[in-house]
C-alpha cells in the first residue's frame, strides 16, 4: 500500500494504521499495541493497558496525553493504545467512503472508536493512569 505524502494527515495516518492492522491480522496477533514514535512512555505501559483491558473487559484501552501544540489541551487519539484483534477484524482504517477527511482533524481515531461502540464493543479512554508520557519536539 502506497502512502502519498501530499495527502492530508488523516488520510496518511489512516493508511499507515491500515498497513499495521493488516499485519496484525495476517500474523495472528491477539492485539495491536499502538505507540506513536514521538512519545516516551514508561516501561510498564503495556502491562498496565493489558491489566485495564482485562479488568474492564474492554476491546480497546487508550491512554490520553497532552497536545504538543497546546499543552493545556488533552488528546486521546491512538498514540498509546491497546486494540484487541476482534476490533481490527471488524473495522478498517481506510475512511474515504465513510468520512469527509477535509472537515475534521484526526477524524480516523474518533471514527474508529464510534464504530466500536456502534458495533457493541467497548473501550475506555484513560488519562493520568500511565505517567509520565513525554512528547519529543518535532
Foldseek 3Di string as FASTA:
>chain_A
DDQDPVDDPLQNVQVVVQVVLVVCVVVVHFKDFAADPQKDFDPCLVVVQVVVCVVVVAQKEWEWAADPVDRVDIDTFRNTMIGGNVLSVVDGSNCPVPDDVVPDDNVRRVVSQVVCVVVPGHYYYHYPPTDDMDGHDD
